[in-house]
Amino acid sequence: MSAAKKLVRILAARSGDSIELAFATADGDTVKVLASEDQIDQLVDELEDILNSPADDD
């Protein structure tokens, strides 16, 4: 797996039956992915779990 890059912007738009997510990174790269509504629901659930859990001290 490649090294993590710093995220600077996220864009989301409908693309037919899918949702297109575009992730722009600090080094100028943009990665686009297509996701289903179910995948977006799962992503939202996971992010909410992370945001609602105690922060690590690392």
PDB file of N, CA and C in Angstrom:
ATOM      1  N   MET A   1       0.848  -1.172   0.000  1.00  0.00           N
ATOM      2  CA  MET A   1       0.000   0.000   0.000  1.00  0.00           C
ATOM      3  C   MET A   1       0.895   1.236   0.000  1.00  0.00           C
ATOM      4  N   SER A   2       0.491   2.257  -0.709  1.00  0.00           N
ATOM      5  CA  SER A   2       1.284   3.481  -0.773  1.00  0.00           C
ATOM      6  C   SER A   2       1.119   4.310   0.498  1.00  0.00           C
ATOM      7  N   ALA A   3       2.020   5.244   0.679  1.00  0.00           N
ATOM      8  CA  ALA A   3       1.989   6.113   1.858  1.00  0.00           C
ATOM      9  C   ALA A   3       0.757   7.016   1.823  1.00  0.00           C
ATOM     10  N   ALA A   4       0.262   7.363   2.998  1.00  0.00           N
ATOM     11  CA  ALA A   4      -0.899   8.257   3.095  1.00  0.00           C
ATOM     12  C   ALA A   4      -0.512   9.659   2.641  1.00  0.00           C
ATOM     13  N   LYS A   5      -1.435  10.323   1.990  1.00  0.00           N
ATOM     14  CA  LYS A   5      -1.240  11.697   1.522  1.00  0.00           C
ATOM     15  C   LYS A   5      -2.198  12.606   2.284  1.00  0.00           C
ATOM     16  N   LYS A   6      -1.816  13.852   2.454  1.00  0.00           N
ATOM     17  CA  LYS A   6      -2.665  14.815   3.156  1.00  0.00           C
ATOM     18  C   LYS A   6      -3.832  15.224   2.251  1.00  0.00           C
ATOM     19  N   LEU A   7      -5.041  15.066   2.766  1.00  0.00           N
ATOM     20  CA  LEU A   7      -6.260  15.403   2.041  1.00  0.00           C
ATOM     21  C   LEU A   7      -6.532  16.900   2.163  1.00  0.00           C
ATOM     22  N   VAL A   8      -6.839  17.548   1.035  1.00  0.00           N
ATOM     23  CA  VAL A   8      -7.163  18.974   1.077  1.00  0.00           C
ATOM     24  C   VAL A   8      -8.609  19.263   0.681  1.00  0.00           C
ATOM     25  N   ARG A   9      -9.242  18.324  -0.043  1.00  0.00           N
ATOM     26  CA  ARG A   9     -10.617  18.586  -0.468  1.00  0.00           C
ATOM     27  C   ARG A   9     -11.290  17.292  -0.887  1.00  0.00           C
ATOM     28  N   ILE A  10     -12.584  17.211  -0.605  1.00  0.00           N
ATOM     29  CA  ILE A  10     -13.403  16.092  -1.065  1.00  0.00           C
ATOM     30  C   ILE A  10     -14.608  16.668  -1.804  1.00  0.00           C
ATOM     31  N   LEU A  11     -14.869  16.126  -2.959  1.00  0.00           N
ATOM     32  CA  LEU A  11     -16.053  16.510  -3.725  1.00  0.00           C
ATOM     33  C   LEU A  11     -16.891  15.261  -3.963  1.00  0.00           C
ATOM     34  N   ALA A  12     -18.205  15.426  -3.968  1.00  0.00           N
ATOM     35  CA  ALA A  12     -19.108  14.304  -4.212  1.00  0.00           C
ATOM     36  C   ALA A  12     -20.192  14.743  -5.189  1.00  0.00           C
ATOM     37  N   ALA A  13     -20.526  13.845  -6.115  1.00  0.00           N
ATOM     38  CA  ALA A  13     -21.578  14.143  -7.091  1.00  0.00           C
ATOM     39  C   ALA A  13     -22.215  12.839  -7.544  1.00  0.00           C
ATOM     40  N   ARG A  14     -23.465  12.903  -7.925  1.00  0.00           N
ATOM     41  CA  ARG A  14     -24.142  11.736  -8.497  1.00  0.00           C
ATOM     42  C   ARG A  14     -23.604  11.496  -9.896  1.00  0.00           C
ATOM     43  N   SER A  15     -23.463  10.230 -10.215  1.00  0.00           N
ATOM     44  CA  SER A  15     -23.018   9.824 -11.550  1.00  0.00           C
ATOM     45  C   SER A  15     -23.823   8.588 -11.933  1.00  0.00           C
ATOM     46  N   GLY A  16     -24.972   8.812 -12.519  1.00  0.00           N
ATOM     47  CA  GLY A  16     -25.871   7.706 -12.831  1.00  0.00           C
ATOM     48  C   GLY A  16     -26.397   7.095 -11.545  1.00  0.00           C
ATOM     49  N   ASP A  17     -26.236   5.776 -11.402  1.00  0.00           N
ATOM     50  CA  ASP A  17     -26.685   5.088 -10.195  1.00  0.00           C
ATOM     51  C   ASP A  17     -25.652   5.147  -9.069  1.00  0.00           C
ATOM     52  N   SER A  18     -24.489   5.696  -9.360  1.00  0.00           N
ATOM     53  CA  SER A  18     -23.395   5.734  -8.382  1.00  0.00           C
ATOM     54  C   SER A  18     -23.182   7.144  -7.852  1.00  0.00           C
ATOM     55  N   ILE A  19     -22.308   7.226  -6.871  1.00  0.00           N
ATOM     56  CA  ILE A  19     -21.863   8.510  -6.350  1.00  0.00           C
ATOM     57  C   ILE A  19     -20.369   8.583  -6.612  1.00  0.00           C
ATOM     58  N   GLU A  20     -19.946   9.662  -7.257  1.00  0.00           N
ATOM     59  CA  GLU A  20     -18.533   9.858  -7.543  1.00  0.00           C
ATOM     60  C   GLU A  20     -17.919  10.703  -6.442  1.00  0.00           C
ATOM     61  N   LEU A  21     -16.843  10.195  -5.859  1.00  0.00           N
ATOM     62  CA  LEU A  21     -16.085  10.935  -4.865  1.00  0.00           C
ATOM     63  C   LEU A  21     -14.751  11.308  -5.482  1.00  0.00           C
ATOM     64  N   ALA A  22     -14.343  12.562  -5.306  1.00  0.00           N
ATOM     65  CA  ALA A  22     -13.037  13.017  -5.767  1.00  0.00           C
ATOM     66  C   ALA A  22     -12.256  13.493  -4.550  1.00  0.00           C
ATOM     67  N   PHE A  23     -11.071  12.923  -4.361  1.00  0.00           N
ATOM     68  CA  PHE A  23     -10.207  13.262  -3.233  1.00  0.00           C
ATOM     69  C   PHE A  23      -8.994  14.011  -3.781  1.00  0.00           C
ATOM     70  N   ALA A  24      -8.854  15.285  -3.424  1.00  0.00           N
ATOM     71  CA  ALA A  24      -7.703  16.080  -3.848  1.00  0.00           C
ATOM     72  C   ALA A  24      -6.685  16.099  -2.716  1.00  0.00           C
ATOM     73  N   THR A  25      -5.424  15.867  -3.073  1.00  0.00           N
ATOM     74  CA  THR A  25      -4.373  15.804  -2.070  1.00  0.00           C
ATOM     75  C   THR A  25      -3.470  17.035  -2.145  1.00  0.00           C
ATOM     76  N   ALA A  26      -2.696  17.239  -1.081  1.00  0.00           N
ATOM     77  CA  ALA A  26      -1.840  18.413  -0.979  1.00  0.00           C
ATOM     78  C   ALA A  26      -0.787  18.467  -2.082  1.00  0.00           C
ATOM     79  N   ASP A  27      -0.401  17.318  -2.627  1.00  0.00           N
ATOM     80  CA  ASP A  27       0.611  17.315  -3.684  1.00  0.00           C
ATOM     81  C   ASP A  27       0.009  17.516  -5.077  1.00  0.00           C
ATOM     82  N   GLY A  28      -1.286  17.821  -5.135  1.00  0.00           N
ATOM     83  CA  GLY A  28      -1.936  18.146  -6.404  1.00  0.00           C
ATOM     84  C   GLY A  28      -2.603  16.981  -7.110  1.00  0.00           C
ATOM     85  N   ASP A  29      -2.492  15.791  -6.567  1.00  0.00           N
ATOM     86  CA  ASP A  29      -3.157  14.630  -7.178  1.00  0.00           C
ATOM     87  C   ASP A  29      -4.644  14.626  -6.845  1.00  0.00           C
ATOM     88  N   THR A  30      -5.433  14.053  -7.739  1.00  0.00           N
ATOM     89  CA  THR A  30      -6.854  13.834  -7.486  1.00  0.00           C
ATOM     90  C   THR A  30      -7.171  12.384  -7.809  1.00  0.00           C
ATOM     91  N   VAL A  31      -7.853  11.729  -6.869  1.00  0.00           N
ATOM     92  CA  VAL A  31      -8.278  10.346  -7.073  1.00  0.00           C
ATOM     93  C   VAL A  31      -9.799  10.342  -7.092  1.00  0.00           C
ATOM     94  N   LYS A  32     -10.369   9.755  -8.133  1.00  0.00           N
ATOM     95  CA  LYS A  32     -11.821   9.656  -8.245  1.00  0.00           C
ATOM     96  C   LYS A  32     -12.230   8.204  -8.080  1.00  0.00           C
ATOM     97  N   VAL A  33     -13.311   7.991  -7.334  1.00  0.00           N
ATOM     98  CA  VAL A  33     -13.865   6.647  -7.161  1.00  0.00           C
ATOM     99  C   VAL A  33     -15.379   6.708  -7.320  1.00  0.00           C
ATOM    100  N   LEU A  34     -15.952   5.607  -7.772  1.00  0.00           N
ATOM    101  CA  LEU A  34     -17.406   5.470  -7.833  1.00  0.00           C
ATOM    102  C   LEU A  34     -17.840   4.545  -6.712  1.00  0.00           C
ATOM    103  N   ALA A  35     -18.892   4.927  -6.010  1.00  0.00           N
ATOM    104  CA  ALA A  35     -19.404   4.129  -4.901  1.00  0.00           C
ATOM    105  C   ALA A  35     -20.915   4.018  -5.016  1.00  0.00           C
ATOM    106  N   SER A  36     -21.435   2.907  -4.491  1.00  0.00           N
ATOM    107  CA  SER A  36     -22.885   2.730  -4.444  1.00  0.00           C
ATOM    108  C   SER A  36     -23.431   3.491  -3.229  1.00  0.00           C
ATOM    109  N   GLU A  37     -24.738   3.650  -3.195  1.00  0.00           N
ATOM    110  CA  GLU A  37     -25.353   4.308  -2.033  1.00  0.00           C
ATOM    111  C   GLU A  37     -25.082   3.508  -0.765  1.00  0.00           C
ATOM    112  N   ASP A  38     -25.103   2.170  -0.866  1.00  0.00           N
ATOM    113  CA  ASP A  38     -24.805   1.330   0.302  1.00  0.00           C
ATOM    114  C   ASP A  38     -23.373   1.552   0.795  1.00  0.00           C
ATOM    115  N   GLN A  39     -22.438   1.679  -0.120  1.00  0.00           N
ATOM    116  CA  GLN A  39     -21.052   1.925   0.278  1.00  0.00           C
ATOM    117  C   GLN A  39     -20.906   3.283   0.963  1.00  0.00           C
ATOM    118  N   ILE A  40     -21.613   4.278   0.464  1.00  0.00           N
ATOM    119  CA  ILE A  40     -21.564   5.603   1.089  1.00  0.00           C
ATOM    120  C   ILE A  40     -22.175   5.537   2.486  1.00  0.00           C
ATOM    121  N   ASP A  41     -23.285   4.813   2.641  1.00  0.00           N
ATOM    122  CA  ASP A  41     -23.885   4.637   3.968  1.00  0.00           C
ATOM    123  C   ASP A  41     -22.900   3.977   4.935  1.00  0.00           C
ATOM    124  N   GLN A  42     -22.192   2.955   4.460  1.00  0.00           N
ATOM    125  CA  GLN A  42     -21.197   2.283   5.297  1.00  0.00           C
ATOM    126  C   GLN A  42     -20.061   3.232   5.668  1.00  0.00           C
ATOM    127  N   LEU A  43     -19.619   4.035   4.710  1.00  0.00           N
ATOM    128  CA  LEU A  43     -18.553   5.000   4.966  1.00  0.00           C
ATOM    129  C   LEU A  43     -18.982   6.023   6.012  1.00  0.00           C
ATOM    130  N   VAL A  44     -20.195   6.532   5.875  1.00  0.00           N
ATOM    131  CA  VAL A  44     -20.716   7.501   6.842  1.00  0.00           C
ATOM    132  C   VAL A  44     -20.782   6.873   8.235  1.00  0.00           C
ATOM    133  N   ASP A  45     -21.265   5.642   8.325  1.00  0.00           N
ATOM    134  CA  ASP A  45     -21.328   4.951   9.620  1.00  0.00           C
ATOM    135  C   ASP A  45     -19.942   4.806  10.246  1.00  0.00           C
ATOM    136  N   GLU A  46     -18.960   4.401   9.436  1.00  0.00           N
ATOM    137  CA  GLU A  46     -17.602   4.232   9.951  1.00  0.00           C
ATOM    138  C   GLU A  46     -17.008   5.557  10.415  1.00  0.00           C
ATOM    139  N   LEU A  47     -17.233   6.621   9.636  1.00  0.00           N
ATOM    140  CA  LEU A  47     -16.714   7.933  10.027  1.00  0.00           C
ATOM    141  C   LEU A  47     -17.378   8.438  11.306  1.00  0.00           C
ATOM    142  N   GLU A  48     -18.688   8.219  11.431  1.00  0.00           N
ATOM    143  CA  GLU A  48     -19.380   8.617  12.662  1.00  0.00           C
ATOM    144  C   GLU A  48     -18.830   7.855  13.864  1.00  0.00           C
ATOM    145  N   ASP A  49     -18.556   6.561  13.699  1.00  0.00           N
ATOM    146  CA  ASP A  49     -17.969   5.772  14.786  1.00  0.00           C
ATOM    147  C   ASP A  49     -16.618   6.343  15.201  1.00  0.00           C
ATOM    148  N   ILE A  50     -15.803   6.686  14.215  1.00  0.00           N
ATOM    149  CA  ILE A  50     -14.488   7.248  14.516  1.00  0.00           C
ATOM    150  C   ILE A  50     -14.623   8.600  15.231  1.00  0.00           C
ATOM    151  N   LEU A  51     -15.495   9.448  14.725  1.00  0.00           N
ATOM    152  CA  LEU A  51     -15.664  10.781  15.307  1.00  0.00           C
ATOM    153  C   LEU A  51     -16.255  10.723  16.714  1.00  0.00           C
ATOM    154  N   ASN A  52     -17.051   9.705  16.985  1.00  0.00           N
ATOM    155  CA  ASN A  52     -17.687   9.584  18.297  1.00  0.00           C
ATOM    156  C   ASN A  52     -16.877   8.777  19.306  1.00  0.00           C
ATOM    157  N   SER A  53     -15.728   8.249  18.879  1.00  0.00           N
ATOM    158  CA  SER A  53     -14.887   7.477  19.801  1.00  0.00           C
ATOM    159  C   SER A  53     -13.823   8.403  20.402  1.00  0.00           C
ATOM    160  N   PRO A  54     -13.287   8.004  21.552  1.00  0.00           N
ATOM    161  CA  PRO A  54     -12.232   8.825  22.165  1.00  0.00           C
ATOM    162  C   PRO A  54     -11.018   8.921  21.242  1.00  0.00           C
ATOM    163  N   ALA A  55     -10.411  10.086  21.206  1.00  0.00           N
ATOM    164  CA  ALA A  55      -9.234  10.296  20.368  1.00  0.00           C
ATOM    165  C   ALA A  55      -8.032   9.573  20.964  1.00  0.00           C
ATOM    166  N   ASP A  56      -7.187   9.041  20.095  1.00  0.00           N
ATOM    167  CA  ASP A  56      -5.935   8.431  20.544  1.00  0.00           C
ATOM    168  C   ASP A  56      -4.960   9.525  20.949  1.00  0.00           C
ATOM    169  N   ASP A  57      -4.102   9.221  21.896  1.00  0.00           N
ATOM    170  CA  ASP A  57      -3.108  10.184  22.342  1.00  0.00           C
ATOM    171  C   ASP A  57      -1.823  10.121  21.530  1.00  0.00           C
ATOM    172  N   ASP A  58      -1.767   9.221  20.545  1.00  0.00           N
ATOM    173  CA  ASP A  58      -0.548   9.049  19.735  1.00  0.00           C
ATOM    174  C   ASP A  58      -0.268  10.236  18.886  1.00  0.00           C
TER     175      ASP A  58
END
